[in-house]
């Protein structure tokens, strides 16, 4: 592995760790109100997407055949992201969210 690929993998890993950290912190922050449901889904998607990215990085460093697992995790993360963004949109588009 050349130095450029290693540097990109290290930066990607650092960003992925930050994504997981803030995703988990956001999950702890919100409890159970209507707006929190959307951000709960978005935070779960961040954690799952980051886990999928980690599997791709691991497979790039040391091929282990975990690419399908990473793809599945990213797909499930994308589903949670769509759910969270839809809930967030529905909350802010409703007329009674300020009531």
PDB file of N, CA and C in Angstrom:
ATOM      1  N   UNK A   1       0.851  -1.166   0.000  1.00  0.00           N
ATOM      2  CA  UNK A   1       0.000   0.000   0.000  1.00  0.00           C
ATOM      3  C   UNK A   1       0.902   1.236   0.000  1.00  0.00           C
ATOM      4  N   UNK A   2       0.591   2.162  -0.870  1.00  0.00           N
ATOM      5  CA  UNK A   2       1.412   3.362  -0.947  1.00  0.00           C
ATOM      6  C   UNK A   2       0.992   4.396   0.103  1.00  0.00           C
ATOM      7  N   UNK A   3       1.791   5.421   0.240  1.00  0.00           N
ATOM      8  CA  UNK A   3       1.580   6.429   1.273  1.00  0.00           C
ATOM      9  C   UNK A   3       0.285   7.207   1.065  1.00  0.00           C
ATOM     10  N   UNK A   4      -0.080   7.489  -0.173  1.00  0.00           N
ATOM     11  CA  UNK A   4      -1.307   8.232  -0.444  1.00  0.00           C
ATOM     12  C   UNK A   4      -2.542   7.460   0.009  1.00  0.00           C
ATOM     13  N   UNK A   5      -2.598   6.180  -0.309  1.00  0.00           N
ATOM     14  CA  UNK A   5      -3.737   5.356   0.103  1.00  0.00           C
ATOM     15  C   UNK A   5      -3.807   5.235   1.620  1.00  0.00           C
ATOM     16  N   UNK A   6      -2.653   5.102   2.252  1.00  0.00           N
ATOM     17  CA  UNK A   6      -2.626   5.023   3.706  1.00  0.00           C
ATOM     18  C   UNK A   6      -3.119   6.320   4.342  1.00  0.00           C
ATOM     19  N   UNK A   7      -2.716   7.445   3.795  1.00  0.00           N
ATOM     20  CA  UNK A   7      -3.142   8.739   4.320  1.00  0.00           C
ATOM     21  C   UNK A   7      -4.651   8.925   4.161  1.00  0.00           C
ATOM     22  N   UNK A   8      -5.183   8.561   3.012  1.00  0.00           N
ATOM     23  CA  UNK A   8      -6.621   8.663   2.785  1.00  0.00           C
ATOM     24  C   UNK A   8      -7.376   7.739   3.735  1.00  0.00           C
ATOM     25  N   UNK A   9      -6.862   6.535   3.970  1.00  0.00           N
ATOM     26  CA  UNK A   9      -7.503   5.606   4.902  1.00  0.00           C
ATOM     27  C   UNK A   9      -7.479   6.140   6.335  1.00  0.00           C
ATOM     28  N   UNK A  10      -6.386   6.749   6.730  1.00  0.00           N
ATOM     29  CA  UNK A  10      -6.290   7.304   8.088  1.00  0.00           C
ATOM     30  C   UNK A  10      -7.264   8.467   8.259  1.00  0.00           C
ATOM     31  N   UNK A  11      -7.330   9.348   7.271  1.00  0.00           N
ATOM     32  CA  UNK A  11      -8.267  10.475   7.346  1.00  0.00           C
ATOM     33  C   UNK A  11      -9.710   9.969   7.336  1.00  0.00           C
ATOM     34  N   UNK A  12     -10.004   9.000   6.492  1.00  0.00           N
ATOM     35  CA  UNK A  12     -11.345   8.418   6.450  1.00  0.00           C
ATOM     36  C   UNK A  12     -11.723   7.759   7.760  1.00  0.00           C
ATOM     37  N   UNK A  13     -10.765   7.073   8.363  1.00  0.00           N
ATOM     38  CA  UNK A  13     -11.033   6.435   9.646  1.00  0.00           C
ATOM     39  C   UNK A  13     -11.289   7.478  10.726  1.00  0.00           C
ATOM     40  N   UNK A  14     -10.514   8.547  10.742  1.00  0.00           N
ATOM     41  CA  UNK A  14     -10.716   9.606  11.736  1.00  0.00           C
ATOM     42  C   UNK A  14     -12.087  10.261  11.575  1.00  0.00           C
ATOM     43  N   UNK A  15     -12.478  10.541  10.348  1.00  0.00           N
ATOM     44  CA  UNK A  15     -13.797  11.132  10.115  1.00  0.00           C
ATOM     45  C   UNK A  15     -14.915  10.164  10.488  1.00  0.00           C
ATOM     46  N   UNK A  16     -14.712   8.885  10.228  1.00  0.00           N
ATOM     47  CA  UNK A  16     -15.705   7.884  10.585  1.00  0.00           C
ATOM     48  C   UNK A  16     -15.858   7.778  12.095  1.00  0.00           C
ATOM     49  N   UNK A  17     -14.761   7.848  12.820  1.00  0.00           N
ATOM     50  CA  UNK A  17     -14.822   7.816  14.284  1.00  0.00           C
ATOM     51  C   UNK A  17     -15.598   9.026  14.800  1.00  0.00           C
ATOM     52  N   UNK A  18     -15.352  10.200  14.218  1.00  0.00           N
ATOM     53  CA  UNK A  18     -16.106  11.388  14.619  1.00  0.00           C
ATOM     54  C   UNK A  18     -17.594  11.242  14.300  1.00  0.00           C
ATOM     55  N   UNK A  19     -17.909  10.635  13.161  1.00  0.00           N
ATOM     56  CA  UNK A  19     -19.302  10.408  12.788  1.00  0.00           C
ATOM     57  C   UNK A  19     -19.995   9.504  13.793  1.00  0.00           C
ATOM     58  N   UNK A  20     -19.347   8.437  14.197  1.00  0.00           N
ATOM     59  CA  UNK A  20     -19.911   7.530  15.199  1.00  0.00           C
ATOM     60  C   UNK A  20     -20.042   8.247  16.543  1.00  0.00           C
ATOM     61  N   UNK A  21     -19.022   8.995  16.934  1.00  0.00           N
ATOM     62  CA  UNK A  21     -19.038   9.698  18.221  1.00  0.00           C
ATOM     63  C   UNK A  21     -20.224  10.660  18.307  1.00  0.00           C
ATOM     64  N   UNK A  22     -20.375  11.520  17.295  1.00  0.00           N
ATOM     65  CA  UNK A  22     -21.468  12.481  17.347  1.00  0.00           C
ATOM     66  C   UNK A  22     -22.827  11.829  17.110  1.00  0.00           C
ATOM     67  N   UNK A  23     -22.867  10.735  16.364  1.00  0.00           N
ATOM     68  CA  UNK A  23     -24.120   9.990  16.217  1.00  0.00           C
ATOM     69  C   UNK A  23     -24.593   9.419  17.540  1.00  0.00           C
ATOM     70  N   UNK A  24     -23.668   8.824  18.291  1.00  0.00           N
ATOM     71  CA  UNK A  24     -24.032   8.271  19.602  1.00  0.00           C
ATOM     72  C   UNK A  24     -24.357   9.366  20.603  1.00  0.00           C
ATOM     73  N   UNK A  25     -23.631  10.476  20.570  1.00  0.00           N
ATOM     74  CA  UNK A  25     -23.920  11.598  21.469  1.00  0.00           C
ATOM     75  C   UNK A  25     -25.308  12.174  21.195  1.00  0.00           C
ATOM     76  N   UNK A  26     -25.674  12.251  19.908  1.00  0.00           N
ATOM     77  CA  UNK A  26     -26.991  12.763  19.546  1.00  0.00           C
ATOM     78  C   UNK A  26     -28.083  11.805  20.003  1.00  0.00           C
ATOM     79  N   UNK A  27     -27.836  10.502  19.907  1.00  0.00           N
ATOM     80  CA  UNK A  27     -28.823   9.536  20.395  1.00  0.00           C
ATOM     81  C   UNK A  27     -29.069   9.708  21.889  1.00  0.00           C
ATOM     82  N   UNK A  28     -28.012   9.965  22.658  1.00  0.00           N
ATOM     83  CA  UNK A  28     -28.168  10.171  24.093  1.00  0.00           C
ATOM     84  C   UNK A  28     -28.860  11.490  24.403  1.00  0.00           C
ATOM     85  N   UNK A  29     -28.684  12.481  23.551  1.00  0.00           N
ATOM     86  CA  UNK A  29     -29.215  13.815  23.798  1.00  0.00           C
ATOM     87  C   UNK A  29     -30.737  13.862  23.718  1.00  0.00           C
ATOM     88  N   UNK A  30     -31.296  13.212  22.718  1.00  0.00           N
ATOM     89  CA  UNK A  30     -32.739  13.251  22.524  1.00  0.00           C
ATOM     90  C   UNK A  30     -33.410  12.142  23.310  1.00  0.00           C
ATOM     91  N   UNK A  31     -34.538  12.476  23.896  1.00  0.00           N
ATOM     92  CA  UNK A  31     -35.260  11.469  24.681  1.00  0.00           C
ATOM     93  C   UNK A  31     -36.478  10.973  23.907  1.00  0.00           C
ATOM     94  N   UNK A  32     -37.605  11.653  24.025  1.00  0.00           N
ATOM     95  CA  UNK A  32     -38.809  11.107  23.394  1.00  0.00           C
ATOM     96  C   UNK A  32     -39.796  12.197  22.995  1.00  0.00           C
ATOM     97  N   UNK A  33     -39.402  13.152  22.227  1.00  0.00           N
ATOM     98  CA  UNK A  33     -40.391  14.064  21.680  1.00  0.00           C
ATOM     99  C   UNK A  33     -40.481  13.858  20.176  1.00  0.00           C
ATOM    100  N   UNK A  34     -41.382  14.567  19.533  1.00  0.00           N
ATOM    101  CA  UNK A  34     -41.642  14.311  18.119  1.00  0.00           C
ATOM    102  C   UNK A  34     -40.423  14.644  17.258  1.00  0.00           C
ATOM    103  N   UNK A  35     -39.776  15.752  17.530  1.00  0.00           N
ATOM    104  CA  UNK A  35     -38.606  16.134  16.734  1.00  0.00           C
ATOM    105  C   UNK A  35     -37.438  15.183  16.966  1.00  0.00           C
ATOM    106  N   UNK A  36     -37.376  14.598  18.148  1.00  0.00           N
ATOM    107  CA  UNK A  36     -36.261  13.707  18.472  1.00  0.00           C
ATOM    108  C   UNK A  36     -36.303  12.415  17.668  1.00  0.00           C
ATOM    109  N   UNK A  37     -37.490  11.957  17.295  1.00  0.00           N
ATOM    110  CA  UNK A  37     -37.568  10.715  16.520  1.00  0.00           C
ATOM    111  C   UNK A  37     -36.806  10.822  15.217  1.00  0.00           C
ATOM    112  N   UNK A  38     -36.926  11.945  14.551  1.00  0.00           N
ATOM    113  CA  UNK A  38     -36.216  12.125  13.285  1.00  0.00           C
ATOM    114  C   UNK A  38     -34.718  12.076  13.507  1.00  0.00           C
ATOM    115  N   UNK A  39     -34.230  12.772  14.508  1.00  0.00           N
ATOM    116  CA  UNK A  39     -32.793  12.803  14.757  1.00  0.00           C
ATOM    117  C   UNK A  39     -32.290  11.484  15.303  1.00  0.00           C
ATOM    118  N   UNK A  40     -33.146  10.710  15.947  1.00  0.00           N
ATOM    119  CA  UNK A  40     -32.756   9.360  16.377  1.00  0.00           C
ATOM    120  C   UNK A  40     -32.473   8.491  15.162  1.00  0.00           C
ATOM    121  N   UNK A  41     -33.371   8.527  14.174  1.00  0.00           N
ATOM    122  CA  UNK A  41     -33.158   7.758  12.947  1.00  0.00           C
ATOM    123  C   UNK A  41     -31.899   8.229  12.225  1.00  0.00           C
ATOM    124  N   UNK A  42     -31.703   9.532  12.152  1.00  0.00           N
ATOM    125  CA  UNK A  42     -30.535  10.082  11.466  1.00  0.00           C
ATOM    126  C   UNK A  42     -29.255   9.664  12.190  1.00  0.00           C
ATOM    127  N   UNK A  43     -29.278   9.670  13.515  1.00  0.00           N
ATOM    128  CA  UNK A  43     -28.096   9.264  14.281  1.00  0.00           C
ATOM    129  C   UNK A  43     -27.794   7.780  14.102  1.00  0.00           C
ATOM    130  N   UNK A  44     -28.821   6.956  14.099  1.00  0.00           N
ATOM    131  CA  UNK A  44     -28.621   5.525  13.860  1.00  0.00           C
ATOM    132  C   UNK A  44     -28.036   5.316  12.461  1.00  0.00           C
ATOM    133  N   UNK A  45     -28.531   6.089  11.494  1.00  0.00           N
ATOM    134  CA  UNK A  45     -28.002   5.940  10.135  1.00  0.00           C
ATOM    135  C   UNK A  45     -26.534   6.329  10.076  1.00  0.00           C
ATOM    136  N   UNK A  46     -26.150   7.348  10.842  1.00  0.00           N
ATOM    137  CA  UNK A  46     -24.737   7.757  10.857  1.00  0.00           C
ATOM    138  C   UNK A  46     -23.858   6.643  11.404  1.00  0.00           C
ATOM    139  N   UNK A  47     -24.306   5.999  12.471  1.00  0.00           N
ATOM    140  CA  UNK A  47     -23.525   4.915  13.066  1.00  0.00           C
ATOM    141  C   UNK A  47     -23.432   3.727  12.114  1.00  0.00           C
ATOM    142  N   UNK A  48     -24.551   3.339  11.505  1.00  0.00           N
ATOM    143  CA  UNK A  48     -24.538   2.199  10.586  1.00  0.00           C
ATOM    144  C   UNK A  48     -23.725   2.507   9.327  1.00  0.00           C
ATOM    145  N   UNK A  49     -23.881   3.720   8.807  1.00  0.00           N
ATOM    146  CA  UNK A  49     -23.110   4.092   7.625  1.00  0.00           C
ATOM    147  C   UNK A  49     -21.619   4.091   7.936  1.00  0.00           C
ATOM    148  N   UNK A  50     -21.263   4.600   9.105  1.00  0.00           N
ATOM    149  CA  UNK A  50     -19.852   4.618   9.497  1.00  0.00           C
ATOM    150  C   UNK A  50     -19.308   3.199   9.667  1.00  0.00           C
ATOM    151  N   UNK A  51     -20.115   2.313  10.216  1.00  0.00           N
ATOM    152  CA  UNK A  51     -19.674   0.924  10.358  1.00  0.00           C
ATOM    153  C   UNK A  51     -19.451   0.291   8.990  1.00  0.00           C
ATOM    154  N   UNK A  52     -20.301   0.630   8.025  1.00  0.00           N
ATOM    155  CA  UNK A  52     -20.097   0.138   6.665  1.00  0.00           C
ATOM    156  C   UNK A  52     -18.823   0.678   6.049  1.00  0.00           C
ATOM    157  N   UNK A  53     -18.537   1.953   6.308  1.00  0.00           N
ATOM    158  CA  UNK A  53     -17.302   2.551   5.795  1.00  0.00           C
ATOM    159  C   UNK A  53     -16.081   1.867   6.404  1.00  0.00           C
ATOM    160  N   UNK A  54     -16.153   1.558   7.691  1.00  0.00           N
ATOM    161  CA  UNK A  54     -15.040   0.883   8.361  1.00  0.00           C
ATOM    162  C   UNK A  54     -14.772  -0.471   7.721  1.00  0.00           C
ATOM    163  N   UNK A  55     -15.816  -1.201   7.365  1.00  0.00           N
ATOM    164  CA  UNK A  55     -15.597  -2.499   6.726  1.00  0.00           C
ATOM    165  C   UNK A  55     -14.914  -2.332   5.366  1.00  0.00           C
ATOM    166  N   UNK A  56     -15.278  -1.284   4.621  1.00  0.00           N
ATOM    167  CA  UNK A  56     -14.603  -1.036   3.347  1.00  0.00           C
ATOM    168  C   UNK A  56     -13.147  -0.655   3.561  1.00  0.00           C
ATOM    169  N   UNK A  57     -12.875   0.148   4.578  1.00  0.00           N
ATOM    170  CA  UNK A  57     -11.490   0.531   4.868  1.00  0.00           C
ATOM    171  C   UNK A  57     -10.683  -0.689   5.291  1.00  0.00           C
ATOM    172  N   UNK A  58     -11.267  -1.520   6.156  1.00  0.00           N
ATOM    173  CA  UNK A  58     -10.564  -2.731   6.583  1.00  0.00           C
ATOM    174  C   UNK A  58     -10.275  -3.648   5.408  1.00  0.00           C
ATOM    175  N   UNK A  59     -11.242  -3.774   4.506  1.00  0.00           N
ATOM    176  CA  UNK A  59     -11.040  -4.642   3.354  1.00  0.00           C
ATOM    177  C   UNK A  59     -10.000  -4.067   2.395  1.00  0.00           C
ATOM    178  N   UNK A  60      -9.882  -2.744   2.352  1.00  0.00           N
ATOM    179  CA  UNK A  60      -8.867  -2.132   1.495  1.00  0.00           C
ATOM    180  C   UNK A  60      -7.473  -2.353   2.074  1.00  0.00           C
ATOM    181  N   UNK A  61      -7.362  -2.314   3.394  1.00  0.00           N
ATOM    182  CA  UNK A  61      -6.064  -2.513   4.042  1.00  0.00           C
ATOM    183  C   UNK A  61      -5.677  -3.985   4.022  1.00  0.00           C
ATOM    184  N   UNK A  62      -6.601  -4.833   4.422  1.00  0.00           N
ATOM    185  CA  UNK A  62      -6.355  -6.278   4.464  1.00  0.00           C
ATOM    186  C   UNK A  62      -7.589  -6.984   3.904  1.00  0.00           C
ATOM    187  N   UNK A  63      -7.544  -7.457   2.658  1.00  0.00           N
ATOM    188  CA  UNK A  63      -8.728  -8.094   2.059  1.00  0.00           C
ATOM    189  C   UNK A  63      -9.221  -9.286   2.882  1.00  0.00           C
ATOM    190  N   UNK A  64     -10.473  -9.173   3.332  1.00  0.00           N
ATOM    191  CA  UNK A  64     -11.073 -10.220   4.163  1.00  0.00           C
ATOM    192  C   UNK A  64     -12.415 -10.681   3.621  1.00  0.00           C
ATOM    193  N   UNK A  65     -12.893 -10.065   2.551  1.00  0.00           N
ATOM    194  CA  UNK A  65     -14.180 -10.451   1.992  1.00  0.00           C
ATOM    195  C   UNK A  65     -15.367  -9.906   2.758  1.00  0.00           C
ATOM    196  N   UNK A  66     -15.215  -8.774   3.430  1.00  0.00           N
ATOM    197  CA  UNK A  66     -16.315  -8.201   4.205  1.00  0.00           C
ATOM    198  C   UNK A  66     -17.032  -7.083   3.455  1.00  0.00           C
ATOM    199  N   UNK A  67     -16.750  -6.919   2.176  1.00  0.00           N
ATOM    200  CA  UNK A  67     -17.391  -5.865   1.397  1.00  0.00           C
ATOM    201  C   UNK A  67     -18.913  -6.031   1.359  1.00  0.00           C
ATOM    202  N   UNK A  68     -19.460  -7.249   1.186  1.00  0.00           N
ATOM    203  CA  UNK A  68     -20.928  -7.368   1.208  1.00  0.00           C
ATOM    204  C   UNK A  68     -21.544  -6.932   2.546  1.00  0.00           C
ATOM    205  N   UNK A  69     -20.867  -7.207   3.643  1.00  0.00           N
ATOM    206  CA  UNK A  69     -21.379  -6.796   4.957  1.00  0.00           C
ATOM    207  C   UNK A  69     -21.397  -5.271   5.047  1.00  0.00           C
ATOM    208  N   UNK A  70     -20.335  -4.628   4.566  1.00  0.00           N
ATOM    209  CA  UNK A  70     -20.285  -3.170   4.558  1.00  0.00           C
ATOM    210  C   UNK A  70     -21.373  -2.571   3.687  1.00  0.00           C
ATOM    211  N   UNK A  71     -21.627  -3.184   2.551  1.00  0.00           N
ATOM    212  CA  UNK A  71     -22.693  -2.713   1.667  1.00  0.00           C
ATOM    213  C   UNK A  71     -24.061  -2.821   2.311  1.00  0.00           C
ATOM    214  N   UNK A  72     -24.294  -3.922   3.016  1.00  0.00           N
ATOM    215  CA  UNK A  72     -25.572  -4.101   3.706  1.00  0.00           C
ATOM    216  C   UNK A  72     -25.728  -3.066   4.816  1.00  0.00           C
ATOM    217  N   UNK A  73     -24.668  -2.829   5.582  1.00  0.00           N
ATOM    218  CA  UNK A  73     -24.741  -1.847   6.660  1.00  0.00           C
ATOM    219  C   UNK A  73     -24.995  -0.447   6.109  1.00  0.00           C
ATOM    220  N   UNK A  74     -24.361  -0.107   5.010  1.00  0.00           N
ATOM    221  CA  UNK A  74     -24.586   1.208   4.417  1.00  0.00           C
ATOM    222  C   UNK A  74     -26.000   1.331   3.862  1.00  0.00           C
ATOM    223  N   UNK A  75     -26.535   0.251   3.311  1.00  0.00           N
ATOM    224  CA  UNK A  75     -27.902   0.276   2.801  1.00  0.00           C
ATOM    225  C   UNK A  75     -28.905   0.467   3.935  1.00  0.00           C
ATOM    226  N   UNK A  76     -28.729  -0.269   5.024  1.00  0.00           N
ATOM    227  CA  UNK A  76     -29.619  -0.111   6.179  1.00  0.00           C
ATOM    228  C   UNK A  76     -29.471   1.300   6.757  1.00  0.00           C
ATOM    229  N   UNK A  77     -28.247   1.804   6.807  1.00  0.00           N
ATOM    230  CA  UNK A  77     -28.028   3.176   7.265  1.00  0.00           C
ATOM    231  C   UNK A  77     -28.728   4.187   6.375  1.00  0.00           C
ATOM    232  N   UNK A  78     -28.708   3.950   5.072  1.00  0.00           N
ATOM    233  CA  UNK A  78     -29.392   4.849   4.144  1.00  0.00           C
ATOM    234  C   UNK A  78     -30.908   4.818   4.361  1.00  0.00           C
ATOM    235  N   UNK A  79     -31.457   3.645   4.661  1.00  0.00           N
ATOM    236  CA  UNK A  79     -32.893   3.541   4.953  1.00  0.00           C
ATOM    237  C   UNK A  79     -33.232   4.357   6.191  1.00  0.00           C
ATOM    238  N   UNK A  80     -32.433   4.236   7.247  1.00  0.00           N
ATOM    239  CA  UNK A  80     -32.672   5.024   8.453  1.00  0.00           C
ATOM    240  C   UNK A  80     -32.516   6.516   8.179  1.00  0.00           C
ATOM    241  N   UNK A  81     -31.575   6.885   7.318  1.00  0.00           N
ATOM    242  CA  UNK A  81     -31.405   8.292   6.972  1.00  0.00           C
ATOM    243  C   UNK A  81     -32.641   8.825   6.254  1.00  0.00           C
ATOM    244  N   UNK A  82     -33.178   8.060   5.314  1.00  0.00           N
ATOM    245  CA  UNK A  82     -34.392   8.477   4.613  1.00  0.00           C
ATOM    246  C   UNK A  82     -35.554   8.598   5.599  1.00  0.00           C
ATOM    247  N   UNK A  83     -35.696   7.631   6.498  1.00  0.00           N
ATOM    248  CA  UNK A  83     -36.764   7.707   7.503  1.00  0.00           C
ATOM    249  C   UNK A  83     -36.614   8.944   8.379  1.00  0.00           C
ATOM    250  N   UNK A  84     -35.405   9.206   8.818  1.00  0.00           N
ATOM    251  CA  UNK A  84     -35.171  10.355   9.685  1.00  0.00           C
ATOM    252  C   UNK A  84     -35.411  11.671   8.977  1.00  0.00           C
ATOM    253  N   UNK A  85     -34.933  11.782   7.752  1.00  0.00           N
ATOM    254  CA  UNK A  85     -35.159  13.015   7.002  1.00  0.00           C
ATOM    255  C   UNK A  85     -36.633  13.217   6.684  1.00  0.00           C
ATOM    256  N   UNK A  86     -37.339  12.126   6.403  1.00  0.00           N
ATOM    257  CA  UNK A  86     -38.785  12.233   6.144  1.00  0.00           C
ATOM    258  C   UNK A  86     -39.505  12.682   7.404  1.00  0.00           C
ATOM    259  N   UNK A  87     -39.179  12.084   8.551  1.00  0.00           N
ATOM    260  CA  UNK A  87     -39.815  12.493   9.809  1.00  0.00           C
ATOM    261  C   UNK A  87     -39.503  13.948  10.119  1.00  0.00           C
ATOM    262  N   UNK A  88     -38.268  14.362   9.879  1.00  0.00           N
ATOM    263  CA  UNK A  88     -37.879  15.747  10.118  1.00  0.00           C
ATOM    264  C   UNK A  88     -38.669  16.687   9.207  1.00  0.00           C
ATOM    265  N   UNK A  89     -38.797  16.321   7.943  1.00  0.00           N
ATOM    266  CA  UNK A  89     -39.574  17.133   7.009  1.00  0.00           C
ATOM    267  C   UNK A  89     -41.035  17.197   7.436  1.00  0.00           C
ATOM    268  N   UNK A  90     -41.603  16.053   7.781  1.00  0.00           N
ATOM    269  CA  UNK A  90     -43.019  16.019   8.178  1.00  0.00           C
ATOM    270  C   UNK A  90     -43.260  16.869   9.424  1.00  0.00           C
ATOM    271  N   UNK A  91     -42.312  16.863  10.347  1.00  0.00           N
ATOM    272  CA  UNK A  91     -42.451  17.676  11.559  1.00  0.00           C
ATOM    273  C   UNK A  91     -42.449  19.163  11.217  1.00  0.00           C
ATOM    274  N   UNK A  92     -41.475  19.587  10.405  1.00  0.00           N
ATOM    275  CA  UNK A  92     -41.367  21.011  10.105  1.00  0.00           C
ATOM    276  C   UNK A  92     -42.400  21.474   9.097  1.00  0.00           C
ATOM    277  N   UNK A  93     -42.945  20.579   8.286  1.00  0.00           N
ATOM    278  CA  UNK A  93     -43.980  20.938   7.324  1.00  0.00           C
ATOM    279  C   UNK A  93     -45.355  21.014   7.972  1.00  0.00           C
ATOM    280  N   UNK A  94     -45.519  20.412   9.138  1.00  0.00           N
ATOM    281  CA  UNK A  94     -46.829  20.449   9.789  1.00  0.00           C
ATOM    282  C   UNK A  94     -47.100  21.840  10.332  1.00  0.00           C
ATOM    283  N   UNK A  95     -48.371  22.183  10.407  1.00  0.00           N
ATOM    284  CA  UNK A  95     -48.762  23.519  10.866  1.00  0.00           C
ATOM    285  C   UNK A  95     -48.759  23.635  12.376  1.00  0.00           C
ATOM    286  N   UNK A  96     -48.801  22.512  13.077  1.00  0.00           N
ATOM    287  CA  UNK A  96     -48.930  22.569  14.535  1.00  0.00           C
ATOM    288  C   UNK A  96     -47.630  22.305  15.285  1.00  0.00           C
ATOM    289  N   UNK A  97     -46.484  22.362  14.636  1.00  0.00           N
ATOM    290  CA  UNK A  97     -45.253  22.067  15.353  1.00  0.00           C
ATOM    291  C   UNK A  97     -44.844  23.188  16.296  1.00  0.00           C
ATOM    292  N   UNK A  98     -45.414  24.362  16.139  1.00  0.00           N
ATOM    293  CA  UNK A  98     -45.117  25.438  17.066  1.00  0.00           C
ATOM    294  C   UNK A  98     -46.144  25.532  18.191  1.00  0.00           C
ATOM    295  N   UNK A  99     -47.170  24.714  18.124  1.00  0.00           N
ATOM    296  CA  UNK A  99     -48.236  24.775  19.141  1.00  0.00           C
ATOM    297  C   UNK A  99     -47.810  24.151  20.446  1.00  0.00           C
TER     298      UNK A  99
END
